[in-house]
Amino acid sequence: MNRSRLTNGTDLLRNIDDRSAEGRRYRDLIDGFTAEFGSTTPGERELALIRQGAALTVQSETIQAAIIRGESVDLEQLTRLANAQTRTLRALGIRKRKARDALSLYIAAKAEKAGGTE
């Protein structure tokens, strides 16, 4: 049986260059959100939500960067985007980690990186 390139993981999305900065970020987010499932393999519903959450996150980050650059942005659009992103990630069961957990992950990553360069 022939499966689509999206289904078999060859493409992240149709007609998207995953070598662009946004494409790489999108792929990284998909990998990160998928890792939240641990040893459980996400089903098609979860994979669709993961792709949606990643796309919303990339778009949100793009608007946030525009704000930092001092550009005018549509704050209503940003608010709607943030709400959609929150609902999507909540549907996946991805929650904010406590700051302490984030710090622990950061320290562990730095230690691993330092150990790998020696």
Protein backbone atom coordinates (compact mmCIF):
# COMPACT_ATOMS: atom_id res chain seq x y z
CA MET A 1 0.00 0.00 0.00
CA ASN A 2 1.30 3.46 -0.94
CA ARG A 3 1.39 6.02 1.86
CA SER A 4 1.83 9.77 1.57
CA ARG A 5 5.21 11.36 2.24
CA LEU A 6 3.62 13.15 5.19
CA THR A 7 2.32 9.89 6.68
CA ASN A 8 5.62 8.06 6.36
CA GLY A 9 7.58 11.00 7.78
CA THR A 10 9.48 11.98 4.63
CA ASP A 11 7.86 15.44 4.55
CA LEU A 12 6.81 17.61 7.47
CA LEU A 13 4.25 19.41 5.31
CA ARG A 14 3.61 19.54 1.58
CA ASN A 15 5.71 22.03 -0.39
CA ILE A 16 7.63 23.28 2.66
CA ASP A 17 11.41 23.71 2.63
CA ASP A 18 12.43 22.33 5.98
CA ARG A 19 15.92 23.77 5.47
CA SER A 20 14.68 27.34 6.09
CA ALA A 21 14.99 28.80 9.59
CA GLU A 22 11.23 28.46 10.10
CA GLY A 23 11.27 24.93 8.68
CA ARG A 24 14.06 23.86 11.03
CA ARG A 25 12.29 25.43 14.02
CA TYR A 26 9.05 23.69 13.01
CA ARG A 27 10.87 20.35 12.81
CA ASP A 28 12.57 20.95 16.19
CA LEU A 29 9.22 21.73 17.81
CA ILE A 30 7.66 18.60 16.35
CA ASP A 31 10.54 16.55 17.74
CA GLY A 32 10.24 18.24 21.13
CA PHE A 33 6.47 17.87 21.38
CA THR A 34 6.72 14.24 20.26
CA ALA A 35 9.36 13.60 22.95
CA GLU A 36 6.78 14.70 25.55
CA PHE A 37 5.03 11.38 24.88
CA GLY A 38 8.06 9.45 26.15
CA SER A 39 8.00 5.82 25.10
CA THR A 40 4.39 6.06 23.89
CA THR A 41 4.04 6.51 20.13
CA PRO A 42 1.57 9.29 19.31
CA GLY A 43 -1.34 8.33 17.05
CA GLU A 44 -2.56 10.21 14.00
CA ARG A 45 -4.75 12.54 16.09
CA GLU A 46 -1.82 13.44 18.32
CA LEU A 47 0.49 13.86 15.33
CA ALA A 48 -1.97 16.29 13.74
CA LEU A 49 -2.13 18.26 17.01
CA ILE A 50 1.66 18.22 17.28
CA ARG A 51 2.00 19.67 13.75
CA GLN A 52 -0.68 22.27 14.53
CA GLY A 53 0.98 23.21 17.82
CA ALA A 54 4.37 23.52 16.12
CA ALA A 55 2.96 25.74 13.36
CA LEU A 56 1.19 27.98 15.86
CA THR A 57 4.35 28.24 17.93
CA VAL A 58 6.47 29.22 14.92
CA GLN A 59 3.91 31.87 13.95
CA SER A 60 3.76 33.17 17.52
CA GLU A 61 7.56 33.40 17.69
CA THR A 62 7.60 35.30 14.40
CA ILE A 63 5.18 37.90 15.76
CA GLN A 64 7.08 38.11 19.05
CA ALA A 65 10.31 38.80 17.13
CA ALA A 66 8.54 41.59 15.24
CA ILE A 67 7.51 43.14 18.57
CA ILE A 68 11.09 43.02 19.83
CA ARG A 69 12.30 44.66 16.60
CA GLY A 70 9.85 47.50 17.32
CA GLU A 71 7.56 46.68 14.41
CA SER A 72 3.84 47.27 14.56
CA VAL A 73 1.88 44.05 15.03
CA ASP A 74 -1.78 43.16 15.31
CA LEU A 75 -2.14 42.43 19.02
CA GLU A 76 -5.57 40.89 18.49
CA GLN A 77 -4.00 38.41 16.07
CA LEU A 78 -1.26 37.63 18.59
CA THR A 79 -3.84 37.09 21.33
CA ARG A 80 -5.92 34.76 19.16
CA LEU A 81 -2.80 32.90 18.13
CA ALA A 82 -1.68 32.50 21.75
CA ASN A 83 -5.13 31.20 22.72
CA ALA A 84 -5.18 28.71 19.85
CA GLN A 85 -1.65 27.59 20.71
CA THR A 86 -2.58 27.09 24.38
CA ARG A 87 -5.69 25.08 23.50
CA THR A 88 -3.76 22.91 21.03
CA LEU A 89 -0.94 22.13 23.45
CA ARG A 90 -3.42 21.52 26.26
CA ALA A 91 -5.25 19.01 24.02
CA LEU A 92 -1.92 17.22 23.67
CA GLY A 93 -1.43 17.19 27.42
CA ILE A 94 1.70 19.36 27.19
CA ARG A 95 1.82 21.62 30.21
CA LYS A 96 4.24 24.28 31.31
CA ARG A 97 7.03 22.86 33.37
CA LYS A 98 7.89 24.39 36.69
CA ALA A 99 10.80 26.84 36.53
CA ARG A 100 12.81 24.50 38.72
CA ASP A 101 12.33 21.67 36.23
CA ALA A 102 13.39 23.92 33.35
CA LEU A 103 16.50 24.96 35.29
CA SER A 104 17.33 21.33 36.01
CA LEU A 105 16.99 20.47 32.32
CA TYR A 106 19.21 23.43 31.38
CA ILE A 107 21.92 22.44 33.85
CA ALA A 108 21.81 18.82 32.71
CA ALA A 109 22.08 19.87 29.05
CA LYS A 110 25.06 22.14 29.81
CA ALA A 111 26.77 19.35 31.75
CA GLU A 112 26.17 16.87 28.93
CA LYS A 113 27.50 19.31 26.36
CA ALA A 114 30.57 20.06 28.46
CA GLY A 115 31.22 16.35 28.87
CA GLY A 116 30.88 15.72 25.13
CA THR A 117 33.46 18.37 24.13
CA GLU A 118 36.31 16.93 26.17
